[in-house]
Protein backbone atom coordinates (compact mmCIF):
# COMPACT_ATOMS: atom_id res chain seq x y z
CA MET A 1 53.99 -3.12 -130.74
CA PRO A 2 53.64 -5.35 -133.77
CA GLU A 3 56.72 -7.24 -135.00
CA LEU A 4 58.79 -5.82 -137.77
CA ASP A 5 58.54 -7.40 -141.11
CA LEU A 6 62.08 -8.58 -141.84
CA THR A 7 61.49 -11.38 -144.30
CA ALA A 8 63.71 -9.62 -146.93
CA LEU A 9 66.61 -9.15 -144.69
CA THR A 10 69.45 -11.17 -146.24
CA PRO A 11 73.32 -11.11 -146.17
CA GLU A 12 73.25 -9.91 -149.72
CA LEU A 13 71.19 -6.91 -148.72
CA LEU A 14 73.52 -6.24 -145.93
CA ASP A 15 76.55 -6.36 -148.07
CA ARG A 16 75.11 -3.68 -150.25
CA TYR A 17 74.64 -1.19 -147.43
CA ASP A 18 77.18 -1.95 -144.85
CA ARG A 19 79.59 0.87 -145.51
CA PRO A 20 81.28 3.75 -143.67
CA GLY A 21 78.85 6.61 -142.94
CA PRO A 22 77.97 9.28 -140.25
CA ARG A 23 75.69 8.78 -137.26
CA TYR A 24 74.29 12.32 -137.91
CA THR A 25 74.43 13.83 -134.37
CA SER A 26 75.09 17.00 -136.51
CA TYR A 27 75.01 18.19 -140.06
CA PRO A 28 77.47 19.12 -141.31
CA THR A 29 79.32 16.38 -139.28
CA ALA A 30 82.37 16.85 -137.24
CA PRO A 31 84.98 15.99 -139.96
CA GLN A 32 83.82 19.16 -141.73
CA PHE A 33 84.75 21.51 -138.85
CA THR A 34 87.63 23.70 -139.59
CA THR A 35 89.93 25.93 -137.54
CA ASP A 36 88.79 28.86 -139.74
CA PHE A 37 85.81 28.95 -137.15
CA ASP A 38 87.57 30.50 -134.18
CA GLU A 39 86.71 32.29 -130.84
CA GLY A 40 85.82 35.52 -132.69
CA ALA A 41 83.36 33.77 -134.94
CA TYR A 42 81.77 31.99 -131.84
CA ARG A 43 81.43 35.19 -129.95
CA GLU A 44 79.50 36.68 -132.96
CA ARG A 45 77.17 33.74 -132.77
CA LEU A 46 76.65 34.20 -129.08
CA ALA A 47 75.81 37.77 -129.55
CA GLU A 48 73.14 36.82 -132.12
CA ALA A 49 71.83 34.10 -129.76
CA ALA A 50 71.63 36.64 -126.98
CA GLY A 51 68.93 38.45 -128.80
CA ARG A 52 66.54 35.48 -128.38
CA ALA A 53 66.35 36.24 -124.78
CA SER A 54 62.92 34.42 -124.20
CA GLU A 55 63.95 31.17 -125.80
CA PRO A 56 65.43 28.40 -123.49
CA LEU A 57 68.89 26.90 -123.85
CA SER A 58 70.33 23.40 -123.72
CA LEU A 59 73.74 22.92 -121.97
CA TYR A 60 76.16 19.85 -122.21
CA ALA A 61 78.98 19.67 -119.62
CA HIS A 62 81.88 17.24 -120.29
CA VAL A 63 83.72 15.66 -117.52
CA PRO A 64 86.58 13.83 -119.23
CA PHE A 65 88.15 11.84 -116.39
CA CYS A 66 88.17 8.04 -116.02
CA GLU A 67 90.12 5.81 -113.58
CA HIS A 68 91.08 3.52 -116.57
CA ARG A 69 90.42 3.18 -120.21
CA CYS A 70 87.94 0.57 -121.54
CA THR A 71 89.30 -0.86 -124.79
CA TYR A 72 86.05 -0.22 -126.74
CA CYS A 73 85.86 3.43 -125.77
CA GLY A 74 85.31 6.03 -128.38
CA CYS A 75 84.96 9.08 -126.02
CA ASN A 76 87.39 11.93 -125.51
CA ILE A 77 88.67 11.21 -121.97
CA VAL A 78 91.56 11.70 -119.66
CA ILE A 79 92.79 8.74 -117.69
CA SER A 80 93.70 9.71 -114.15
CA PRO A 81 93.65 6.90 -111.57
CA HIS A 82 94.72 9.38 -108.88
CA ARG A 83 92.48 12.42 -107.93
CA GLY A 84 93.63 15.90 -108.24
CA PRO A 85 93.45 17.00 -111.86
CA GLU A 86 89.76 17.51 -111.67
CA VAL A 87 90.10 20.40 -109.21
CA ALA A 88 91.83 22.70 -111.76
CA TYR A 89 89.32 21.46 -114.45
CA LEU A 90 86.27 22.50 -112.32
CA ASP A 91 88.05 25.93 -111.88
CA ALA A 92 88.36 26.21 -115.65
CA ILE A 93 84.77 25.23 -116.32
CA ASP A 94 83.72 27.95 -113.65
CA ARG A 95 85.65 30.46 -115.71
CA GLU A 96 84.19 29.28 -119.06
CA LEU A 97 80.67 29.49 -117.70
CA ASP A 98 81.40 33.23 -116.68
CA LEU A 99 82.62 33.90 -120.22
CA LEU A 100 79.47 32.28 -121.79
CA ALA A 101 77.20 33.95 -119.37
CA GLY A 102 78.73 37.35 -120.11
CA ALA A 103 78.51 36.74 -123.94
CA LEU A 104 74.91 35.74 -123.82
CA ASP A 105 73.84 38.76 -121.68
CA GLY A 106 70.46 38.00 -120.12
CA ARG A 107 69.65 34.87 -121.98
CA ARG A 108 70.25 32.10 -119.40
CA SER A 109 67.47 29.66 -118.56
CA LEU A 110 67.90 25.88 -119.45
CA ASN A 111 65.34 23.41 -120.87
CA GLN A 112 68.08 20.59 -120.76
CA LEU A 113 71.08 19.87 -118.78
CA HIS A 114 73.22 16.86 -119.62
CA TRP A 115 76.59 15.68 -118.01
CA GLY A 116 78.60 13.27 -120.02
CA GLY A 117 82.15 12.05 -120.17
CA GLY A 118 84.37 10.39 -119.43
CA THR A 119 82.83 9.50 -116.16
CA PRO A 120 80.93 12.33 -114.48
CA THR A 121 80.88 10.49 -111.25
CA TYR A 122 84.67 10.34 -111.31
CA LEU A 123 83.96 13.62 -109.26
CA THR A 124 83.15 13.18 -105.59
CA PRO A 125 79.53 13.73 -104.57
CA GLN A 126 80.77 17.12 -103.13
CA GLN A 127 82.37 18.05 -106.45
CA CYS A 128 79.18 17.17 -108.32
CA ARG A 129 77.37 19.56 -106.08
CA ARG A 130 79.92 22.25 -106.77
CA LEU A 131 79.73 21.63 -110.60
CA PHE A 132 75.90 21.69 -110.53
CA THR A 133 75.79 24.97 -108.56
CA THR A 134 78.43 26.49 -110.76
CA ILE A 135 76.25 25.90 -113.77
CA THR A 136 72.69 26.58 -112.34
CA ASP A 137 73.90 29.79 -110.62
CA ARG A 138 74.54 31.10 -114.11
CA PHE A 139 72.09 29.24 -116.02
CA PRO A 140 68.99 28.26 -113.95
CA LEU A 141 66.80 25.43 -114.77
CA ASN A 142 63.23 25.94 -116.09
CA ALA A 143 60.36 24.10 -114.42
CA GLY A 144 60.21 20.59 -115.99
CA ALA A 145 63.67 20.79 -117.44
CA GLU A 146 65.38 17.53 -118.42
CA VAL A 147 68.36 17.08 -116.16
CA ALA A 148 70.38 13.95 -117.19
CA ILE A 149 73.67 12.38 -116.27
CA GLU A 150 75.75 9.41 -117.63
CA VAL A 151 77.26 7.17 -114.96
CA ASP A 152 79.48 3.99 -114.65
CA PRO A 153 78.10 1.94 -111.67
CA CYS A 154 81.58 0.64 -111.06
CA VAL A 155 82.73 4.09 -109.76
CA THR A 156 79.36 5.56 -108.65
CA SER A 157 78.47 5.40 -104.99
CA LEU A 158 75.02 5.29 -103.48
CA GLU A 159 75.96 8.68 -101.94
CA HIS A 160 76.54 9.99 -105.55
CA LEU A 161 73.00 8.84 -106.47
CA GLU A 162 71.51 10.58 -103.37
CA VAL A 163 73.38 13.90 -104.05
CA LEU A 164 72.34 13.79 -107.72
CA ALA A 165 68.72 13.30 -106.79
CA GLU A 166 68.86 16.15 -104.29
CA LEU A 167 70.43 18.50 -106.85
CA GLY A 168 67.53 17.79 -109.27
CA PHE A 169 68.78 15.25 -111.78
CA ASN A 170 65.69 13.33 -113.13
CA ARG A 171 67.29 11.12 -115.80
CA ILE A 172 70.19 8.71 -115.37
CA SER A 173 71.91 6.56 -117.99
CA MET A 174 74.18 3.60 -116.83
CA GLY A 175 76.67 2.13 -119.08
CA LEU A 176 76.51 -1.63 -119.00
CA GLN A 177 77.61 -2.76 -122.44
CA ASP A 178 77.18 -6.53 -122.01
CA LEU A 179 76.57 -8.90 -119.04
CA ASP A 180 78.81 -11.83 -120.37
CA ALA A 181 81.85 -12.19 -118.27
CA ARG A 182 84.02 -13.11 -121.20
CA VAL A 183 82.99 -9.95 -123.11
CA GLN A 184 83.46 -7.74 -120.12
CA GLU A 185 86.99 -9.13 -119.49
CA ALA A 186 87.94 -8.48 -123.16
CA VAL A 187 86.92 -4.84 -123.10
CA GLN A 188 88.35 -4.27 -119.54
CA ARG A 189 84.93 -3.30 -118.03
CA VAL A 190 83.99 -5.93 -115.36
CA GLN A 191 80.64 -4.97 -114.04
CA PRO A 192 78.46 -7.57 -112.26
CA LEU A 193 74.71 -7.56 -112.87
CA GLU A 194 74.11 -7.21 -109.05
CA LEU A 195 76.12 -3.91 -108.95
CA THR A 196 73.94 -2.30 -111.82
CA ARG A 197 70.71 -3.73 -110.30
CA LEU A 198 71.61 -2.02 -106.97
CA HIS A 199 72.09 1.41 -108.68
CA VAL A 200 68.99 1.03 -110.78
CA GLU A 201 66.85 0.21 -107.77
CA ARG A 202 68.32 3.06 -105.63
CA ALA A 203 67.81 5.53 -108.40
CA ARG A 204 64.21 4.63 -108.73
CA GLU A 205 63.83 4.83 -104.82
CA LEU A 206 65.25 8.36 -105.08
CA GLY A 207 62.66 9.54 -107.58
CA PHE A 208 64.69 9.52 -110.88
CA GLU A 209 61.87 9.73 -113.57
CA SER A 210 63.88 7.80 -116.12
CA VAL A 211 66.57 5.10 -115.86
CA ASN A 212 68.48 4.34 -119.11
CA VAL A 213 70.83 1.56 -119.84
CA ASP A 214 73.42 1.57 -122.56
CA LEU A 215 74.42 -1.67 -124.43
CA ILE A 216 76.94 -2.13 -127.21
CA TYR A 217 76.92 -4.88 -129.87
CA GLY A 218 79.85 -5.81 -132.01
CA LEU A 219 82.25 -6.27 -128.97
CA PRO A 220 84.69 -9.33 -128.65
CA TYR A 221 83.24 -12.80 -128.36
CA GLN A 222 79.59 -11.60 -128.83
CA ASN A 223 77.11 -13.70 -130.85
CA GLU A 224 73.34 -13.47 -131.34
CA ALA A 225 72.30 -16.04 -128.70
CA GLN A 226 74.59 -14.75 -126.18
CA PHE A 227 73.51 -11.10 -126.58
CA ARG A 228 69.81 -12.05 -126.68
CA GLN A 229 70.41 -13.52 -123.31
CA THR A 230 71.96 -10.08 -122.01
CA VAL A 231 68.93 -8.30 -123.45
CA ARG A 232 66.50 -10.72 -121.70
CA THR A 233 68.27 -10.19 -118.49
CA VAL A 234 68.31 -6.49 -118.77
CA ILE A 235 64.67 -6.47 -119.31
CA GLU A 236 63.69 -8.89 -116.67
CA GLU A 237 66.13 -7.78 -114.00
CA LEU A 238 66.59 -4.13 -114.68
CA ASN A 239 63.37 -3.14 -116.48
CA PRO A 240 64.89 0.15 -117.80
CA ASP A 241 62.70 2.85 -119.08
CA ARG A 242 65.01 3.40 -122.15
CA VAL A 243 67.90 1.44 -123.60
CA ALA A 244 70.39 2.72 -126.14
CA CYS A 245 71.87 -0.27 -127.99
CA PHE A 246 74.88 1.19 -129.84
CA SER A 247 76.91 -0.46 -132.68
CA TYR A 248 80.50 -0.67 -131.55
CA ALA A 249 82.50 1.73 -133.79
CA HIS A 250 85.82 0.16 -134.44
CA VAL A 251 88.01 3.01 -135.44
CA PRO A 252 91.51 2.28 -134.40
CA TRP A 253 92.86 4.97 -136.83
CA ILE A 254 91.21 7.37 -134.65
CA LYS A 255 91.29 5.59 -131.26
CA PRO A 256 94.67 3.72 -131.22
CA HIS A 257 93.85 1.93 -127.91
CA GLN A 258 91.29 -0.03 -129.87
CA ARG A 259 94.13 -2.01 -131.40
CA GLN A 260 94.40 -3.83 -128.09
CA LEU A 261 91.28 -5.79 -129.14
CA ASP A 262 91.90 -8.86 -131.27
CA ASP A 263 90.10 -8.40 -134.53
CA SER A 264 89.47 -12.10 -134.90
CA THR A 265 87.26 -12.06 -131.75
CA LEU A 266 85.08 -9.20 -133.25
CA PRO A 267 81.77 -10.20 -134.97
CA HIS A 268 81.70 -8.76 -138.53
CA GLY A 269 79.15 -8.32 -141.35
CA TRP A 270 76.13 -10.56 -141.00
CA ASP A 271 77.21 -12.03 -137.76
CA LYS A 272 77.30 -8.64 -136.12
CA PHE A 273 74.07 -7.55 -137.79
CA ARG A 274 72.26 -10.55 -136.56
CA ILE A 275 73.28 -9.66 -133.00
CA PHE A 276 71.40 -6.33 -133.34
CA VAL A 277 68.42 -7.92 -135.07
CA GLY A 278 68.09 -10.33 -132.20
CA ALA A 279 68.16 -7.54 -129.64
CA VAL A 280 65.46 -5.67 -131.58
CA GLU A 281 63.32 -8.68 -131.54
CA GLU A 282 63.73 -9.02 -127.80
CA PHE A 283 62.91 -5.51 -127.03
CA LEU A 284 59.90 -5.43 -129.35
CA ALA A 285 58.58 -8.77 -127.80
CA ALA A 286 58.89 -7.15 -124.35
CA GLY A 287 56.68 -4.10 -125.34
CA TYR A 288 59.47 -1.47 -126.01
CA SER A 289 59.01 1.04 -128.87
CA PHE A 290 61.95 1.17 -131.38
CA VAL A 291 63.03 4.87 -131.54
CA GLY A 292 65.39 6.07 -134.30
CA PHE A 293 67.98 3.45 -135.32
CA ASP A 294 69.52 2.34 -131.96
CA HIS A 295 67.04 3.49 -128.95
CA PHE A 296 64.19 1.58 -127.30
CA ALA A 297 61.67 3.02 -124.82
CA ARG A 298 58.83 1.78 -122.81
CA PRO A 299 55.56 2.71 -124.60
CA GLU A 300 54.55 5.05 -121.79
CA ASP A 301 57.91 6.92 -121.88
CA GLU A 302 57.90 10.43 -123.29
CA LEU A 303 60.46 9.35 -125.97
CA ALA A 304 58.21 6.60 -127.21
CA THR A 305 55.25 9.10 -127.20
CA ALA A 306 57.22 11.58 -129.14
CA MET A 307 58.11 8.99 -131.64
CA ARG A 308 54.48 8.12 -132.26
CA GLU A 309 53.65 11.87 -132.65
CA GLY A 310 56.54 12.57 -134.94
CA ARG A 311 58.34 15.00 -132.61
CA VAL A 312 61.63 13.40 -131.72
CA HIS A 313 64.79 15.43 -132.06
CA ARG A 314 68.42 14.54 -132.38
CA ASN A 315 71.41 16.46 -131.19
CA PHE A 316 75.02 15.65 -129.79
CA MET A 317 73.38 14.05 -126.69
CA GLY A 318 71.34 11.65 -129.00
CA TYR A 319 67.61 11.36 -129.28
CA THR A 320 65.62 13.82 -127.14
CA VAL A 321 62.16 15.44 -126.70
CA MET A 322 63.48 18.63 -125.26
CA PRO A 323 64.65 20.76 -128.20
CA ALA A 324 66.29 24.13 -127.67
CA SER A 325 67.23 26.58 -130.32
CA ASP A 326 70.70 26.79 -128.97
CA GLN A 327 73.02 24.36 -127.19
CA LEU A 328 76.08 25.31 -125.19
CA GLY A 329 78.93 22.96 -124.80
CA VAL A 330 81.05 23.35 -121.67
CA GLY A 331 84.37 21.59 -120.91
CA MET A 332 87.05 20.26 -123.15
CA THR A 333 85.99 18.56 -126.45
CA SER A 334 82.36 19.63 -125.90
CA ILE A 335 80.46 20.98 -129.02
CA GLY A 336 78.01 23.94 -128.93
CA ASP A 337 75.22 24.48 -131.55
CA VAL A 338 74.60 28.23 -131.38
CA ALA A 339 72.93 30.56 -133.86
CA GLY A 340 73.68 28.51 -137.01
CA ALA A 341 77.11 27.29 -136.08
CA TYR A 342 78.79 24.37 -134.43
CA ALA A 343 81.64 25.26 -132.07
CA ALA A 344 84.02 22.57 -130.81
CA ASN A 345 86.18 23.22 -127.69
CA GLU A 346 89.81 22.46 -127.41
CA LYS A 347 90.62 18.74 -127.06
CA ASN A 348 93.81 19.01 -125.10
CA LEU A 349 93.21 19.51 -121.21
CA ALA A 350 96.21 21.78 -120.70
CA ARG A 351 95.42 23.96 -123.55
CA TYR A 352 91.69 24.15 -122.64
CA GLN A 353 92.50 25.18 -119.09
CA ARG A 354 95.17 27.78 -120.35
CA MET A 355 92.79 29.41 -122.86
CA VAL A 356 89.89 29.94 -120.27
CA GLY A 357 92.39 31.07 -117.79
CA GLU A 358 93.48 33.77 -120.17
CA GLY A 359 89.82 34.84 -120.51
CA ARG A 360 89.30 33.23 -124.01
CA LEU A 361 86.47 30.94 -125.20
CA PRO A 362 88.26 27.70 -125.72
CA ILE A 363 87.20 27.18 -129.41
CA GLU A 364 89.31 24.81 -131.46
CA ARG A 365 87.29 24.46 -134.60
CA GLY A 366 83.75 24.62 -135.81
CA ILE A 367 81.68 25.63 -138.91
CA LEU A 368 79.20 28.30 -139.70
CA ARG A 369 76.28 26.48 -141.55
CA SER A 370 75.05 27.77 -144.84
CA ALA A 371 71.32 28.03 -145.78
CA GLU A 372 71.89 24.77 -147.80
CA ASP A 373 73.37 23.07 -144.57
CA GLU A 374 70.36 24.02 -142.63
CA LEU A 375 67.93 22.65 -145.27
CA ARG A 376 69.74 19.43 -145.58
CA GLY A 377 70.42 19.08 -141.91
CA SER A 378 66.71 19.48 -141.30
CA VAL A 379 65.80 16.89 -143.94
CA ILE A 380 68.28 14.41 -142.46
CA ARG A 381 66.98 14.95 -138.96
CA ARG A 382 63.42 14.41 -140.19
CA ILE A 383 64.31 11.01 -141.72
CA ILE A 384 66.50 9.79 -138.81
CA CYS A 385 64.19 10.92 -136.04
CA ASN A 386 60.66 10.53 -137.46
CA LEU A 387 61.24 7.96 -140.28
CA GLY A 388 59.85 9.91 -143.09
CA LEU A 389 59.95 13.18 -145.09
CA ASP A 390 56.90 15.18 -146.12
CA TYR A 391 57.64 17.26 -149.23
CA GLY A 392 54.93 19.81 -148.21
CA TRP A 393 56.78 20.42 -144.97
CA VAL A 394 59.98 21.01 -146.88
CA ALA A 395 58.38 23.45 -149.23
CA GLY A 396 56.53 25.28 -146.51
CA SER A 397 59.61 25.56 -144.14
CA PHE A 398 62.30 26.36 -146.80
CA GLY A 399 60.53 27.54 -149.94
CA VAL A 400 61.98 24.84 -152.33
CA ASP A 401 60.54 22.14 -154.43
CA PRO A 402 62.03 19.17 -152.90
CA ARG A 403 61.71 16.96 -155.89
CA ARG A 404 63.67 19.37 -157.96
CA HIS A 405 66.15 20.58 -155.25
CA PHE A 406 66.99 16.95 -154.31
CA ALA A 407 66.69 15.42 -157.65
CA GLN A 408 70.14 13.78 -157.34
CA ALA A 409 69.51 12.45 -153.76
CA LEU A 410 66.15 11.07 -154.86
CA ALA A 411 67.74 9.27 -157.91
CA GLU A 412 70.26 7.74 -155.48
CA LEU A 413 67.47 6.58 -153.24
CA GLU A 414 65.69 4.64 -155.98
CA PRO A 415 67.87 1.46 -155.57
CA LEU A 416 67.11 1.63 -151.81
CA ALA A 417 63.40 1.91 -152.71
CA ALA A 418 63.66 -1.15 -154.94
CA ASP A 419 65.30 -3.03 -152.15
CA GLY A 420 62.26 -2.16 -149.98
CA LEU A 421 64.09 0.17 -147.51
CA LEU A 422 61.81 3.07 -148.24
CA GLU A 423 58.71 4.14 -150.12
CA ILE A 424 58.90 7.22 -152.48
CA SER A 425 55.60 8.98 -153.41
CA ASN A 426 54.56 12.19 -154.84
CA GLY A 427 54.07 13.41 -151.31
CA GLY A 428 57.33 12.40 -149.75
CA LEU A 429 59.45 9.49 -148.27
CA GLN A 430 58.42 6.90 -145.84
CA VAL A 431 60.98 4.52 -144.26
CA THR A 432 59.86 0.84 -144.07
CA ASP A 433 60.34 -1.66 -141.40
CA LEU A 434 63.30 -2.97 -143.21
CA GLY A 435 64.66 0.48 -143.67
CA ARG A 436 64.80 1.05 -139.94
CA PHE A 437 68.09 -0.75 -140.02
CA PHE A 438 69.55 1.27 -142.77
CA LEU A 439 68.48 4.82 -141.56
CA ARG A 440 72.01 6.24 -141.92
CA ASN A 441 72.24 5.03 -145.53
CA ILE A 442 68.86 6.55 -146.37
CA CYS A 443 70.14 9.83 -145.06
CA MET A 444 73.49 9.85 -146.82
CA PRO A 445 72.35 10.76 -150.40
CA PHE A 446 71.24 14.18 -148.95
CA ASP A 447 74.82 14.83 -147.51
CA THR A 448 76.73 16.73 -150.14
CA TYR A 449 79.90 16.45 -148.22
CA LEU A 450 80.02 12.73 -148.78
CA ARG A 451 80.51 13.59 -152.35
CA LYS A 452 83.92 15.02 -151.78
CA PRO A 453 86.70 12.28 -151.96
CA SER A 454 88.78 11.57 -148.90
CA ASP A 455 92.19 9.92 -148.61
CA ARG A 456 91.64 8.53 -145.12
CA PRO A 457 88.93 6.69 -143.34
CA VAL A 458 86.54 8.95 -141.37
CA TYR A 459 83.49 7.06 -140.32
CA SER A 460 82.49 3.87 -138.67
CA ARG A 461 80.37 1.39 -140.64
CA THR A 462 76.58 2.18 -140.92
CA VAL A 463 75.30 -1.22 -139.85
């Protein structure tokens, strides 16, 4: 893959665009969800989705438990160093799946199944088997389905890997964050390279089709040279099929435990940005394709192929090539996307378990999308997934003249075009090499919710 042209990338350019903004795993984004959307509203959406019996589903299962908390963590988790709480939780998921299966009537088959957390392999291998069976007894997998799991090698045994492969998991994502010992100690996630390598090699021996590694930049004590070395080592020693290289979201007003990190040790601004630019250069030099704004894939990987063909999708599980018209969320804090609505489950473990125990779908909040939401969400996804927007596609899909309908957004994009982040023509928008680093900023003018004033910080920084 050719190198990106980054000659115009300067600290001054970064200063103009490094500001808070959404990651756009959904639109409207989660801060717009309200408690007006309740269980009754969700049941109406499920009843509508049930009518599309021939269409496959996607299902996300959230396993919230971790033995200890990493200080960088932004996930919704439950810290439980001693086993036991997961048993009642699995009972609750069993009941929630029954409720969903009943509400969806005969629509059951899955194109995509994903387990996240927390730490899904906090569960024992036998408990993993139980959860998998609980799900697939009610929602069977289609042939060729993507079956993925996120694991922490520090608490994942080789027996776990063997059971997961036997069950049918074909994609595995291993959190790594950074290989530098000082960084690992600062974020309380000590993970030797040898341990991760052992798990990667065993996963491949067991037939996992894709092995993903997660890295995070912006952590304490990181710098460009040090993180480049981590990336080189990951490529040379682990050779992952995909890499997600996330920007650390420092949001202590949302995640108070992040206050344990010494802000003076965190890279900011240009220093943080250069860490990511260096990582991009290393991945491209090694032959990886740059997908979206933070993923990399081997050129033969189906995600890279989908990127070249303009058919990458994005949902709460990130970038994917396996779209489904409806996505179910199972477990506390999980979010479903069903029949034009987002539905977020209860965040509190005890309340979640009590609600399903009472036979209620555990909806805490959500939002029913308007026709305008659907239009703008589709536009944002086209840009953030496939790096451009064809006006003809907008007109054909939604029956609007995009130049008139999005006149304000297009006017707001003119300065970004002048800075070389995108090209605006009579036929649409095209993101440039430089704009790859500012995709969230390019999407933000289409987000009408950002025009409403907020009296509190909501989002992490875009770069």
